[in-house]
């Protein structure tokens, strides 16, 4: 694969901005992954009961407003804007709602061991009218789930901060950043290209981590990042926000 070279101060600023975004995104993903594994490791945690905390009418999907009220009911408070960012991140069909599958993917660990455990686990809810919505879980499990959601939302907010910073950098060129990642010059970016690029700059990551970073850009889940997907990811999602 071709190794990028600096050709001008502008190109250097673009690559530095790109690397900062990729490294910070990797660090954010690692934080979330720890919380996902922790929740999945609790014997009574399952995606069905977690989803029902928000899907109180049983329609099979939840809005950002449903999430906000459901989170407040279990003691997790986040701004509407931060919740909107979380929904935007995980809303693959872009209907501005999270289906059960989209929600499940948001809490499913990348680690195949923990993911397989959680995928097989069914609902354990027995109580008809729990005192609190998260009483479907034991107290340690409820705490682990709340921490997972809290960290996930916070990390999306921080990722938006990175996008905002890039948008304010007059020397950052998103088109050149795409070309920097497209090591094969074939018009698309693959996870292995991201891994090679980061390793060529001294950041050693696993294949799973590279796939996780690539997944943030890959909106349709076909395993590659197109120019349009890349541009959409580096642009701010909340233009009115100022960091």
Foldseek 3Di string as FASTA:
>chain_A
DDADDDDDPLLVVQQVLLLVLLVLLLVLLVVLLVLLLQLLPDQQDALVLVVCLQPVVPPQKHALVSVQVSLVLLPHHDDSVLSQLLQVQQVLVPPRIGGSVSSCVLSAHLPPVSNVSRVPDDHPADDDDDPTSLVSDDPVSSVSVSVSVNSSSVSSVVSLVSLVVLVPDPSHDLVSSQVNLPNVPPQKHALVSVQVNNVVVPDHDDSSSSQVSQSSQPSNPPGIHGSVSSVVSSHRPDVVDDD
